[in-house]
Amino acid sequence: MYHLQALDRLHKDLNSTLQALETALHERNEALSNLPFQLVSSSSTDKRLSSDHNTPDSTPDAEKIQRCKAIIDTYVRSLHDFNEMKDLAQGLVGLVAERRGVRMQELLKEYGVGNGE
């Protein structure tokens, strides 16, 4: 009986951790999906600036490069965070699968997680 209670607690803990990871993953995906729009809006802002001042380019190249580097750095950090969360989630799923004596694929299917998610 004690083992069932312990497993039930572990299952609840893992579910709440999984939900937190899914929320964080969703937020990261949103941030990553907005990166192309940031690049486009940054580019259109540069065009407006240069047309407003009737100069070929009113923003120095160094500033543009710095903005691009900052966006890329944000993307790389987000990707790194995503990979850490994914590794953690896979580890947790592996622990639950091992406790249940099933394959990870079966457990993922039970929770409705498909390939590539």
PDB file of N, CA and C in Angstrom:
ATOM      1  N   MET A   1       0.825  -1.191   0.000  1.00  0.00           N
ATOM      2  CA  MET A   1       0.000   0.000   0.000  1.00  0.00           C
ATOM      3  C   MET A   1       0.873   1.260   0.000  1.00  0.00           C
ATOM      4  N   TYR A   2       1.936   1.224   0.789  1.00  0.00           N
ATOM      5  CA  TYR A   2       2.835   2.376   0.866  1.00  0.00           C
ATOM      6  C   TYR A   2       3.444   2.675  -0.502  1.00  0.00           C
ATOM      7  N   HIS A   3       3.806   1.629  -1.238  1.00  0.00           N
ATOM      8  CA  HIS A   3       4.422   1.818  -2.553  1.00  0.00           C
ATOM      9  C   HIS A   3       3.452   2.483  -3.525  1.00  0.00           C
ATOM     10  N   LEU A   4       2.184   2.115  -3.449  1.00  0.00           N
ATOM     11  CA  LEU A   4       1.181   2.723  -4.319  1.00  0.00           C
ATOM     12  C   LEU A   4       1.012   4.203  -4.003  1.00  0.00           C
ATOM     13  N   GLN A   5       1.020   4.538  -2.719  1.00  0.00           N
ATOM     14  CA  GLN A   5       0.899   5.946  -2.328  1.00  0.00           C
ATOM     15  C   GLN A   5       2.127   6.735  -2.787  1.00  0.00           C
ATOM     16  N   ALA A   6       3.286   6.142  -2.633  1.00  0.00           N
ATOM     17  CA  ALA A   6       4.517   6.811  -3.058  1.00  0.00           C
ATOM     18  C   ALA A   6       4.523   7.010  -4.577  1.00  0.00           C
ATOM     19  N   LEU A   7       4.088   5.995  -5.305  1.00  0.00           N
ATOM     20  CA  LEU A   7       4.009   6.110  -6.761  1.00  0.00           C
ATOM     21  C   LEU A   7       2.973   7.148  -7.174  1.00  0.00           C
ATOM     22  N   ASP A   8       1.866   7.192  -6.464  1.00  0.00           N
ATOM     23  CA  ASP A   8       0.832   8.178  -6.764  1.00  0.00           C
ATOM     24  C   ASP A   8       1.360   9.592  -6.538  1.00  0.00           C
ATOM     25  N   ARG A   9       2.080   9.801  -5.449  1.00  0.00           N
ATOM     26  CA  ARG A   9       2.684  11.119  -5.178  1.00  0.00           C
ATOM     27  C   ARG A   9       3.694  11.472  -6.259  1.00  0.00           C
ATOM     28  N   LEU A  10       4.523  10.497  -6.631  1.00  0.00           N
ATOM     29  CA  LEU A  10       5.517  10.714  -7.675  1.00  0.00           C
ATOM     30  C   LEU A  10       4.830  11.066  -8.992  1.00  0.00           C
ATOM     31  N   HIS A  11       3.758  10.345  -9.294  1.00  0.00           N
ATOM     32  CA  HIS A  11       3.005  10.601 -10.523  1.00  0.00           C
ATOM     33  C   HIS A  11       2.455  12.033 -10.519  1.00  0.00           C
ATOM     34  N   LYS A  12       1.881  12.465  -9.405  1.00  0.00           N
ATOM     35  CA  LYS A  12       1.344  13.831  -9.304  1.00  0.00           C
ATOM     36  C   LYS A  12       2.451  14.863  -9.437  1.00  0.00           C
ATOM     37  N   ASP A  13       3.577  14.613  -8.766  1.00  0.00           N
ATOM     38  CA  ASP A  13       4.716  15.534  -8.871  1.00  0.00           C
ATOM     39  C   ASP A  13       5.215  15.626 -10.302  1.00  0.00           C
ATOM     40  N   LEU A  14       5.331  14.485 -10.946  1.00  0.00           N
ATOM     41  CA  LEU A  14       5.810  14.473 -12.328  1.00  0.00           C
ATOM     42  C   LEU A  14       4.818  15.166 -13.263  1.00  0.00           C
ATOM     43  N   ASN A  15       3.524  14.980 -13.009  1.00  0.00           N
ATOM     44  CA  ASN A  15       2.519  15.666 -13.820  1.00  0.00           C
ATOM     45  C   ASN A  15       2.631  17.174 -13.685  1.00  0.00           C
ATOM     46  N   SER A  16       2.784  17.657 -12.463  1.00  0.00           N
ATOM     47  CA  SER A  16       2.890  19.106 -12.278  1.00  0.00           C
ATOM     48  C   SER A  16       4.190  19.634 -12.891  1.00  0.00           C
ATOM     49  N   THR A  17       5.273  18.863 -12.770  1.00  0.00           N
ATOM     50  CA  THR A  17       6.529  19.266 -13.397  1.00  0.00           C
ATOM     51  C   THR A  17       6.394  19.274 -14.912  1.00  0.00           C
ATOM     52  N   LEU A  18       5.740  18.267 -15.442  1.00  0.00           N
ATOM     53  CA  LEU A  18       5.532  18.184 -16.881  1.00  0.00           C
ATOM     54  C   LEU A  18       4.688  19.357 -17.372  1.00  0.00           C
ATOM     55  N   GLN A  19       3.658  19.718 -16.626  1.00  0.00           N
ATOM     56  CA  GLN A  19       2.830  20.861 -17.011  1.00  0.00           C
ATOM     57  C   GLN A  19       3.639  22.154 -16.997  1.00  0.00           C
ATOM     58  N   ALA A  20       4.488  22.313 -15.981  1.00  0.00           N
ATOM     59  CA  ALA A  20       5.338  23.510 -15.917  1.00  0.00           C
ATOM     60  C   ALA A  20       6.306  23.549 -17.096  1.00  0.00           C
ATOM     61  N   LEU A  21       6.871  22.397 -17.437  1.00  0.00           N
ATOM     62  CA  LEU A  21       7.781  22.332 -18.586  1.00  0.00           C
ATOM     63  C   LEU A  21       7.050  22.628 -19.892  1.00  0.00           C
ATOM     64  N   GLU A  22       5.839  22.109 -20.029  1.00  0.00           N
ATOM     65  CA  GLU A  22       5.059  22.373 -21.236  1.00  0.00           C
ATOM     66  C   GLU A  22       4.740  23.858 -21.358  1.00  0.00           C
ATOM     67  N   THR A  23       4.412  24.499 -20.251  1.00  0.00           N
ATOM     68  CA  THR A  23       4.135  25.937 -20.262  1.00  0.00           C
ATOM     69  C   THR A  23       5.384  26.709 -20.661  1.00  0.00           C
ATOM     70  N   ALA A  24       6.505  26.357 -20.061  1.00  0.00           N
ATOM     71  CA  ALA A  24       7.766  27.036 -20.396  1.00  0.00           C
ATOM     72  C   ALA A  24       8.136  26.802 -21.847  1.00  0.00           C
ATOM     73  N   LEU A  25       7.927  25.595 -22.324  1.00  0.00           N
ATOM     74  CA  LEU A  25       8.226  25.270 -23.714  1.00  0.00           C
ATOM     75  C   LEU A  25       7.340  26.083 -24.655  1.00  0.00           C
ATOM     76  N   HIS A  26       6.075  26.185 -24.321  1.00  0.00           N
ATOM     77  CA  HIS A  26       5.147  26.979 -25.135  1.00  0.00           C
ATOM     78  C   HIS A  26       5.594  28.444 -25.185  1.00  0.00           C
ATOM     79  N   GLU A  27       5.994  28.989 -24.030  1.00  0.00           N
ATOM     80  CA  GLU A  27       6.454  30.382 -23.982  1.00  0.00           C
ATOM     81  C   GLU A  27       7.707  30.568 -24.828  1.00  0.00           C
ATOM     82  N   ARG A  28       8.628  29.611 -24.771  1.00  0.00           N
ATOM     83  CA  ARG A  28       9.853  29.695 -25.579  1.00  0.00           C
ATOM     84  C   ARG A  28       9.530  29.609 -27.061  1.00  0.00           C
ATOM     85  N   ASN A  29       8.606  28.706 -27.406  1.00  0.00           N
ATOM     86  CA  ASN A  29       8.214  28.580 -28.813  1.00  0.00           C
ATOM     87  C   ASN A  29       7.598  29.873 -29.319  1.00  0.00           C
ATOM     88  N   GLU A  30       6.782  30.524 -28.484  1.00  0.00           N
ATOM     89  CA  GLU A  30       6.200  31.813 -28.861  1.00  0.00           C
ATOM     90  C   GLU A  30       7.295  32.843 -29.098  1.00  0.00           C
ATOM     91  N   ALA A  31       8.266  32.883 -28.176  1.00  0.00           N
ATOM     92  CA  ALA A  31       9.361  33.850 -28.316  1.00  0.00           C
ATOM     93  C   ALA A  31      10.169  33.574 -29.580  1.00  0.00           C
ATOM     94  N   LEU A  32      10.438  32.301 -29.845  1.00  0.00           N
ATOM     95  CA  LEU A  32      11.215  31.949 -31.034  1.00  0.00           C
ATOM     96  C   LEU A  32      10.441  32.232 -32.313  1.00  0.00           C
ATOM     97  N   SER A  33       9.130  32.011 -32.291  1.00  0.00           N
ATOM     98  CA  SER A  33       8.344  32.245 -33.502  1.00  0.00           C
ATOM     99  C   SER A  33       8.252  33.735 -33.811  1.00  0.00           C
ATOM    100  N   ASN A  34       8.449  34.594 -32.812  1.00  0.00           N
ATOM    101  CA  ASN A  34       8.392  36.040 -33.038  1.00  0.00           C
ATOM    102  C   ASN A  34       9.711  36.611 -33.545  1.00  0.00           C
ATOM    103  N   LEU A  35      10.782  35.839 -33.486  1.00  0.00           N
ATOM    104  CA  LEU A  35      12.080  36.359 -33.930  1.00  0.00           C
ATOM    105  C   LEU A  35      12.086  36.820 -35.383  1.00  0.00           C
ATOM    106  N   PRO A  36      11.533  36.065 -36.320  1.00  0.00           N
ATOM    107  CA  PRO A  36      11.536  36.571 -37.704  1.00  0.00           C
ATOM    108  C   PRO A  36      10.805  37.904 -37.825  1.00  0.00           C
ATOM    109  N   PHE A  37       9.718  38.089 -37.063  1.00  0.00           N
ATOM    110  CA  PHE A  37       8.986  39.344 -37.112  1.00  0.00           C
ATOM    111  C   PHE A  37       9.817  40.480 -36.544  1.00  0.00           C
ATOM    112  N   GLN A  38      10.614  40.180 -35.510  1.00  0.00           N
ATOM    113  CA  GLN A  38      11.497  41.202 -34.962  1.00  0.00           C
ATOM    114  C   GLN A  38      12.513  41.635 -36.009  1.00  0.00           C
ATOM    115  N   LEU A  39      13.036  40.669 -36.751  1.00  0.00           N
ATOM    116  CA  LEU A  39      14.005  41.002 -37.793  1.00  0.00           C
ATOM    117  C   LEU A  39      13.355  41.844 -38.888  1.00  0.00           C
ATOM    118  N   VAL A  40      12.149  41.459 -39.304  1.00  0.00           N
ATOM    119  CA  VAL A  40      11.465  42.194 -40.358  1.00  0.00           C
ATOM    120  C   VAL A  40      11.116  43.599 -39.892  1.00  0.00           C
ATOM    121  N   SER A  41      10.578  43.732 -38.677  1.00  0.00           N
ATOM    122  CA  SER A  41      10.204  45.058 -38.192  1.00  0.00           C
ATOM    123  C   SER A  41      11.435  45.917 -37.992  1.00  0.00           C
ATOM    124  N   SER A  42      12.526  45.319 -37.574  1.00  0.00           N
ATOM    125  CA  SER A  42      13.777  46.063 -37.437  1.00  0.00           C
ATOM    126  C   SER A  42      14.230  46.554 -38.801  1.00  0.00           C
ATOM    127  N   SER A  43      14.105  45.724 -39.812  1.00  0.00           N
ATOM    128  CA  SER A  43      14.505  46.084 -41.159  1.00  0.00           C
ATOM    129  C   SER A  43      13.621  47.202 -41.710  1.00  0.00           C
ATOM    130  N   SER A  44      12.299  47.108 -41.488  1.00  0.00           N
ATOM    131  CA  SER A  44      11.408  48.146 -41.999  1.00  0.00           C
ATOM    132  C   SER A  44      11.623  49.460 -41.266  1.00  0.00           C
ATOM    133  N   THR A  45      11.975  49.388 -39.981  1.00  0.00           N
ATOM    134  CA  THR A  45      12.289  50.603 -39.240  1.00  0.00           C
ATOM    135  C   THR A  45      13.511  51.268 -39.846  1.00  0.00           C
ATOM    136  N   ASP A  46      14.518  50.475 -40.203  1.00  0.00           N
ATOM    137  CA  ASP A  46      15.717  51.025 -40.816  1.00  0.00           C
ATOM    138  C   ASP A  46      15.384  51.707 -42.139  1.00  0.00           C
ATOM    139  N   LYS A  47      14.479  51.115 -42.930  1.00  0.00           N
ATOM    140  CA  LYS A  47      14.100  51.708 -44.206  1.00  0.00           C
ATOM    141  C   LYS A  47      13.385  53.031 -43.997  1.00  0.00           C
ATOM    142  N   ARG A  48      12.482  53.084 -42.994  1.00  0.00           N
ATOM    143  CA  ARG A  48      11.776  54.328 -42.707  1.00  0.00           C
ATOM    144  C   ARG A  48      12.756  55.406 -42.276  1.00  0.00           C
ATOM    145  N   LEU A  49      13.714  55.033 -41.441  1.00  0.00           N
ATOM    146  CA  LEU A  49      14.693  56.020 -40.983  1.00  0.00           C
ATOM    147  C   LEU A  49      15.488  56.587 -42.156  1.00  0.00           C
ATOM    148  N   SER A  50      15.940  55.720 -43.035  1.00  0.00           N
ATOM    149  CA  SER A  50      16.757  56.210 -44.133  1.00  0.00           C
ATOM    150  C   SER A  50      15.918  57.022 -45.106  1.00  0.00           C
ATOM    151  N   SER A  51      14.636  56.678 -45.327  1.00  0.00           N
ATOM    152  CA  SER A  51      13.822  57.462 -46.248  1.00  0.00           C
ATOM    153  C   SER A  51      13.423  58.789 -45.623  1.00  0.00           C
ATOM    154  N   ASP A  52      13.280  58.834 -44.287  1.00  0.00           N
ATOM    155  CA  ASP A  52      12.920  60.077 -43.622  1.00  0.00           C
ATOM    156  C   ASP A  52      14.018  61.120 -43.745  1.00  0.00           C
ATOM    157  N   HIS A  53      15.248  60.656 -43.776  1.00  0.00           N
ATOM    158  CA  HIS A  53      16.366  61.592 -43.783  1.00  0.00           C
ATOM    159  C   HIS A  53      16.974  61.761 -45.162  1.00  0.00           C
ATOM    160  N   ASN A  54      16.382  61.120 -46.163  1.00  0.00           N
ATOM    161  CA  ASN A  54      16.889  61.203 -47.534  1.00  0.00           C
ATOM    162  C   ASN A  54      18.372  60.874 -47.637  1.00  0.00           C
ATOM    163  N   THR A  55      18.790  59.906 -46.871  1.00  0.00           N
ATOM    164  CA  THR A  55      20.170  59.429 -46.935  1.00  0.00           C
ATOM    165  C   THR A  55      20.116  57.954 -47.281  1.00  0.00           C
ATOM    166  N   PRO A  56      21.187  57.427 -47.837  1.00  0.00           N
ATOM    167  CA  PRO A  56      21.163  56.007 -48.191  1.00  0.00           C
ATOM    168  C   PRO A  56      20.951  55.114 -46.981  1.00  0.00           C
ATOM    169  N   ASP A  57      21.454  55.532 -45.846  1.00  0.00           N
ATOM    170  CA  ASP A  57      21.322  54.705 -44.649  1.00  0.00           C
ATOM    171  C   ASP A  57      21.626  55.568 -43.441  1.00  0.00           C
ATOM    172  N   SER A  58      20.624  55.815 -42.606  1.00  0.00           N
ATOM    173  CA  SER A  58      20.859  56.682 -41.461  1.00  0.00           C
ATOM    174  C   SER A  58      21.344  55.922 -40.231  1.00  0.00           C
ATOM    175  N   THR A  59      21.241  54.596 -40.234  1.00  0.00           N
ATOM    176  CA  THR A  59      21.703  53.792 -39.115  1.00  0.00           C
ATOM    177  C   THR A  59      23.025  53.145 -39.493  1.00  0.00           C
ATOM    178  N   PRO A  60      24.067  53.400 -38.725  1.00  0.00           N
ATOM    179  CA  PRO A  60      25.362  52.808 -39.067  1.00  0.00           C
ATOM    180  C   PRO A  60      25.301  51.279 -39.075  1.00  0.00           C
ATOM    181  N   ASP A  61      26.109  50.702 -39.939  1.00  0.00           N
ATOM    182  CA  ASP A  61      26.143  49.243 -40.055  1.00  0.00           C
ATOM    183  C   ASP A  61      26.461  48.577 -38.721  1.00  0.00           C
ATOM    184  N   ALA A  62      27.316  49.185 -37.942  1.00  0.00           N
ATOM    185  CA  ALA A  62      27.699  48.589 -36.657  1.00  0.00           C
ATOM    186  C   ALA A  62      26.480  48.422 -35.750  1.00  0.00           C
ATOM    187  N   GLU A  63      25.575  49.397 -35.764  1.00  0.00           N
ATOM    188  CA  GLU A  63      24.370  49.292 -34.932  1.00  0.00           C
ATOM    189  C   GLU A  63      23.473  48.165 -35.432  1.00  0.00           C
ATOM    190  N   LYS A  64      23.344  48.040 -36.740  1.00  0.00           N
ATOM    191  CA  LYS A  64      22.542  46.957 -37.305  1.00  0.00           C
ATOM    192  C   LYS A  64      23.124  45.607 -36.935  1.00  0.00           C
ATOM    193  N   ILE A  65      24.428  45.502 -37.037  1.00  0.00           N
ATOM    194  CA  ILE A  65      25.103  44.250 -36.697  1.00  0.00           C
ATOM    195  C   ILE A  65      24.885  43.924 -35.223  1.00  0.00           C
ATOM    196  N   GLN A  66      24.987  44.925 -34.356  1.00  0.00           N
ATOM    197  CA  GLN A  66      24.776  44.705 -32.923  1.00  0.00           C
ATOM    198  C   GLN A  66      23.350  44.222 -32.649  1.00  0.00           C
ATOM    199  N   ARG A  67      22.363  44.824 -33.327  1.00  0.00           N
ATOM    200  CA  ARG A  67      20.968  44.401 -33.139  1.00  0.00           C
ATOM    201  C   ARG A  67      20.780  42.965 -33.602  1.00  0.00           C
ATOM    202  N   CYS A  68      21.357  42.636 -34.736  1.00  0.00           N
ATOM    203  CA  CYS A  68      21.255  41.256 -35.246  1.00  0.00           C
ATOM    204  C   CYS A  68      21.921  40.270 -34.297  1.00  0.00           C
ATOM    205  N   LYS A  69      23.088  40.647 -33.792  1.00  0.00           N
ATOM    206  CA  LYS A  69      23.779  39.773 -32.840  1.00  0.00           C
ATOM    207  C   LYS A  69      22.945  39.572 -31.579  1.00  0.00           C
ATOM    208  N   ALA A  70      22.298  40.636 -31.110  1.00  0.00           N
ATOM    209  CA  ALA A  70      21.469  40.530 -29.905  1.00  0.00           C
ATOM    210  C   ALA A  70      20.288  39.583 -30.150  1.00  0.00           C
ATOM    211  N   ILE A  71      19.678  39.687 -31.331  1.00  0.00           N
ATOM    212  CA  ILE A  71      18.558  38.801 -31.658  1.00  0.00           C
ATOM    213  C   ILE A  71      19.040  37.357 -31.755  1.00  0.00           C
ATOM    214  N   ILE A  72      20.183  37.153 -32.383  1.00  0.00           N
ATOM    215  CA  ILE A  72      20.734  35.799 -32.511  1.00  0.00           C
ATOM    216  C   ILE A  72      21.100  35.245 -31.138  1.00  0.00           C
ATOM    217  N   ASP A  73      21.703  36.083 -30.286  1.00  0.00           N
ATOM    218  CA  ASP A  73      22.043  35.644 -28.929  1.00  0.00           C
ATOM    219  C   ASP A  73      20.794  35.222 -28.162  1.00  0.00           C
ATOM    220  N   THR A  74      19.721  35.997 -28.310  1.00  0.00           N
ATOM    221  CA  THR A  74      18.455  35.649 -27.651  1.00  0.00           C
ATOM    222  C   THR A  74      17.957  34.307 -28.161  1.00  0.00           C
ATOM    223  N   TYR A  75      18.024  34.117 -29.458  1.00  0.00           N
ATOM    224  CA  TYR A  75      17.583  32.857 -30.061  1.00  0.00           C
ATOM    225  C   TYR A  75      18.421  31.689 -29.536  1.00  0.00           C
ATOM    226  N   VAL A  76      19.730  31.848 -29.489  1.00  0.00           N
ATOM    227  CA  VAL A  76      20.618  30.775 -29.028  1.00  0.00           C
ATOM    228  C   VAL A  76      20.348  30.452 -27.561  1.00  0.00           C
ATOM    229  N   ARG A  77      20.163  31.494 -26.730  1.00  0.00           N
ATOM    230  CA  ARG A  77      19.854  31.251 -25.310  1.00  0.00           C
ATOM    231  C   ARG A  77      18.522  30.513 -25.169  1.00  0.00           C
ATOM    232  N   SER A  78      17.538  30.936 -25.959  1.00  0.00           N
ATOM    233  CA  SER A  78      16.228  30.274 -25.907  1.00  0.00           C
ATOM    234  C   SER A  78      16.337  28.819 -26.343  1.00  0.00           C
ATOM    235  N   LEU A  79      17.103  28.577 -27.383  1.00  0.00           N
ATOM    236  CA  LEU A  79      17.298  27.213 -27.863  1.00  0.00           C
ATOM    237  C   LEU A  79      18.008  26.365 -26.807  1.00  0.00           C
ATOM    238  N   HIS A  80      19.001  26.945 -26.155  1.00  0.00           N
ATOM    239  CA  HIS A  80      19.720  26.244 -25.085  1.00  0.00           C
ATOM    240  C   HIS A  80      18.762  25.909 -23.935  1.00  0.00           C
ATOM    241  N   ASP A  81      17.953  26.889 -23.521  1.00  0.00           N
ATOM    242  CA  ASP A  81      16.982  26.644 -22.451  1.00  0.00           C
ATOM    243  C   ASP A  81      15.986  25.556 -22.845  1.00  0.00           C
ATOM    244  N   PHE A  82      15.521  25.630 -24.095  1.00  0.00           N
ATOM    245  CA  PHE A  82      14.584  24.619 -24.591  1.00  0.00           C
ATOM    246  C   PHE A  82      15.212  23.232 -24.505  1.00  0.00           C
ATOM    247  N   ASN A  83      16.449  23.100 -24.953  1.00  0.00           N
ATOM    248  CA  ASN A  83      17.114  21.791 -24.934  1.00  0.00           C
ATOM    249  C   ASN A  83      17.287  21.270 -23.509  1.00  0.00           C
ATOM    250  N   GLU A  84      17.590  22.176 -22.570  1.00  0.00           N
ATOM    251  CA  GLU A  84      17.713  21.748 -21.175  1.00  0.00           C
ATOM    252  C   GLU A  84      16.375  21.254 -20.634  1.00  0.00           C
ATOM    253  N   MET A  85      15.292  21.982 -20.961  1.00  0.00           N
ATOM    254  CA  MET A  85      13.966  21.561 -20.501  1.00  0.00           C
ATOM    255  C   MET A  85      13.559  20.238 -21.145  1.00  0.00           C
ATOM    256  N   LYS A  86      13.881  20.097 -22.423  1.00  0.00           N
ATOM    257  CA  LYS A  86      13.541  18.851 -23.127  1.00  0.00           C
ATOM    258  C   LYS A  86      14.291  17.679 -22.502  1.00  0.00           C
ATOM    259  N   ASP A  87      15.582  17.868 -22.224  1.00  0.00           N
ATOM    260  CA  ASP A  87      16.361  16.802 -21.595  1.00  0.00           C
ATOM    261  C   ASP A  87      15.794  16.432 -20.229  1.00  0.00           C
ATOM    262  N   LEU A  88      15.411  17.442 -19.463  1.00  0.00           N
ATOM    263  CA  LEU A  88      14.835  17.197 -18.143  1.00  0.00           C
ATOM    264  C   LEU A  88      13.518  16.433 -18.268  1.00  0.00           C
ATOM    265  N   ALA A  89      12.678  16.865 -19.200  1.00  0.00           N
ATOM    266  CA  ALA A  89      11.396  16.190 -19.400  1.00  0.00           C
ATOM    267  C   ALA A  89      11.600  14.746 -19.836  1.00  0.00           C
ATOM    268  N   GLN A  90      12.547  14.514 -20.732  1.00  0.00           N
ATOM    269  CA  GLN A  90      12.812  13.147 -21.170  1.00  0.00           C
ATOM    270  C   GLN A  90      13.325  12.290 -20.020  1.00  0.00           C
ATOM    271  N   GLY A  91      14.126  12.890 -19.157  1.00  0.00           N
ATOM    272  CA  GLY A  91      14.608  12.159 -17.987  1.00  0.00           C
ATOM    273  C   GLY A  91      13.477  11.774 -17.055  1.00  0.00           C
ATOM    274  N   LEU A  92      12.545  12.717 -16.840  1.00  0.00           N
ATOM    275  CA  LEU A  92      11.397  12.430 -15.979  1.00  0.00           C
ATOM    276  C   LEU A  92      10.509  11.352 -16.588  1.00  0.00           C
ATOM    277  N   VAL A  93      10.278  11.452 -17.877  1.00  0.00           N
ATOM    278  CA  VAL A  93       9.460  10.437 -18.556  1.00  0.00           C
ATOM    279  C   VAL A  93      10.151   9.081 -18.460  1.00  0.00           C
ATOM    280  N   GLY A  94      11.456   9.074 -18.603  1.00  0.00           N
ATOM    281  CA  GLY A  94      12.211   7.828 -18.481  1.00  0.00           C
ATOM    282  C   GLY A  94      12.072   7.208 -17.107  1.00  0.00           C
ATOM    283  N   LEU A  95      12.113   8.051 -16.070  1.00  0.00           N
ATOM    284  CA  LEU A  95      11.949   7.539 -14.701  1.00  0.00           C
ATOM    285  C   LEU A  95      10.563   6.923 -14.505  1.00  0.00           C
ATOM    286  N   VAL A  96       9.532   7.625 -14.977  1.00  0.00           N
ATOM    287  CA  VAL A  96       8.175   7.105 -14.826  1.00  0.00           C
ATOM    288  C   VAL A  96       8.020   5.809 -15.610  1.00  0.00           C
ATOM    289  N   ALA A  97       8.537   5.789 -16.839  1.00  0.00           N
ATOM    290  CA  ALA A  97       8.436   4.579 -17.663  1.00  0.00           C
ATOM    291  C   ALA A  97       9.142   3.407 -16.996  1.00  0.00           C
ATOM    292  N   GLU A  98      10.306   3.671 -16.429  1.00  0.00           N
ATOM    293  CA  GLU A  98      11.049   2.609 -15.751  1.00  0.00           C
ATOM    294  C   GLU A  98      10.272   2.083 -14.551  1.00  0.00           C
ATOM    295  N   ARG A  99       9.683   2.993 -13.785  1.00  0.00           N
ATOM    296  CA  ARG A  99       8.900   2.573 -12.595  1.00  0.00           C
ATOM    297  C   ARG A  99       7.703   1.728 -13.002  1.00  0.00           C
ATOM    298  N   ARG A 100       7.094   2.094 -14.114  1.00  0.00           N
ATOM    299  CA  ARG A 100       5.917   1.354 -14.574  1.00  0.00           C
ATOM    300  C   ARG A 100       6.282   0.093 -15.333  1.00  0.00           C
ATOM    301  N   GLY A 101       7.535   0.020 -15.775  1.00  0.00           N
ATOM    302  CA  GLY A 101       7.959  -1.147 -16.534  1.00  0.00           C
ATOM    303  C   GLY A 101       7.471  -1.117 -17.974  1.00  0.00           C
ATOM    304  N   VAL A 102       7.349   0.095 -18.527  1.00  0.00           N
ATOM    305  CA  VAL A 102       6.915   0.245 -19.922  1.00  0.00           C
ATOM    306  C   VAL A 102       7.968   1.043 -20.683  1.00  0.00           C
ATOM    307  N   ARG A 103       7.836   1.025 -22.003  1.00  0.00           N
ATOM    308  CA  ARG A 103       8.749   1.813 -22.836  1.00  0.00           C
ATOM    309  C   ARG A 103       8.333   3.279 -22.798  1.00  0.00           C
ATOM    310  N   MET A 104       9.303   4.165 -23.011  1.00  0.00           N
ATOM    311  CA  MET A 104       9.005   5.600 -23.005  1.00  0.00           C
ATOM    312  C   MET A 104       7.964   5.944 -24.066  1.00  0.00           C
ATOM    313  N   GLN A 105       8.060   5.300 -25.232  1.00  0.00           N
ATOM    314  CA  GLN A 105       7.110   5.568 -26.323  1.00  0.00           C
ATOM    315  C   GLN A 105       5.674   5.306 -25.865  1.00  0.00           C
ATOM    316  N   GLU A 106       5.474   4.229 -25.141  1.00  0.00           N
ATOM    317  CA  GLU A 106       4.134   3.892 -24.651  1.00  0.00           C
ATOM    318  C   GLU A 106       3.628   4.951 -23.683  1.00  0.00           C
ATOM    319  N   LEU A 107       4.515   5.400 -22.805  1.00  0.00           N
ATOM    320  CA  LEU A 107       4.144   6.410 -21.823  1.00  0.00           C
ATOM    321  C   LEU A 107       3.820   7.738 -22.514  1.00  0.00           C
ATOM    322  N   LEU A 108       4.616   8.103 -23.487  1.00  0.00           N
ATOM    323  CA  LEU A 108       4.371   9.346 -24.219  1.00  0.00           C
ATOM    324  C   LEU A 108       3.036   9.285 -24.948  1.00  0.00           C
ATOM    325  N   LYS A 109       2.741   8.138 -25.516  1.00  0.00           N
ATOM    326  CA  LYS A 109       1.464   7.960 -26.217  1.00  0.00           C
ATOM    327  C   LYS A 109       0.312   8.113 -25.230  1.00  0.00           C
ATOM    328  N   GLU A 110       0.494   7.575 -24.011  1.00  0.00           N
ATOM    329  CA  GLU A 110      -0.539   7.672 -22.974  1.00  0.00           C
ATOM    330  C   GLU A 110      -0.840   9.135 -22.632  1.00  0.00           C
ATOM    331  N   TYR A 111       0.189   9.971 -22.640  1.00  0.00           N
ATOM    332  CA  TYR A 111       0.010  11.388 -22.309  1.00  0.00           C
ATOM    333  C   TYR A 111      -0.314  12.234 -23.539  1.00  0.00           C
ATOM    334  N   GLY A 112      -0.441  11.579 -24.680  1.00  0.00           N
ATOM    335  CA  GLY A 112      -0.830  12.311 -25.884  1.00  0.00           C
ATOM    336  C   GLY A 112       0.281  13.096 -26.524  1.00  0.00           C
ATOM    337  N   VAL A 113       1.521  12.719 -26.256  1.00  0.00           N
ATOM    338  CA  VAL A 113       2.666  13.395 -26.854  1.00  0.00           C
ATOM    339  C   VAL A 113       3.084  12.593 -28.071  1.00  0.00           C
ATOM    340  N   GLY A 114       3.034  13.240 -29.232  1.00  0.00           N
ATOM    341  CA  GLY A 114       3.370  12.556 -30.469  1.00  0.00           C
ATOM    342  C   GLY A 114       4.825  12.743 -30.855  1.00  0.00           C
ATOM    343  N   ASN A 115       5.183  12.182 -31.985  1.00  0.00           N
ATOM    344  CA  ASN A 115       6.552  12.326 -32.495  1.00  0.00           C
ATOM    345  C   ASN A 115       6.834  13.784 -32.798  1.00  0.00           C
ATOM    346  N   GLY A 116       8.024  14.222 -32.467  1.00  0.00           N
ATOM    347  CA  GLY A 116       8.449  15.574 -32.772  1.00  0.00           C
ATOM    348  C   GLY A 116       7.966  16.626 -31.783  1.00  0.00           C
ATOM    349  N   GLU A 117       7.270  16.219 -30.732  1.00  0.00           N
ATOM    350  CA  GLU A 117       6.809  17.202 -29.758  1.00  0.00           C
ATOM    351  C   GLU A 117       7.726  17.226 -28.570  1.00  0.00           C
TER     352      GLU A 117
END
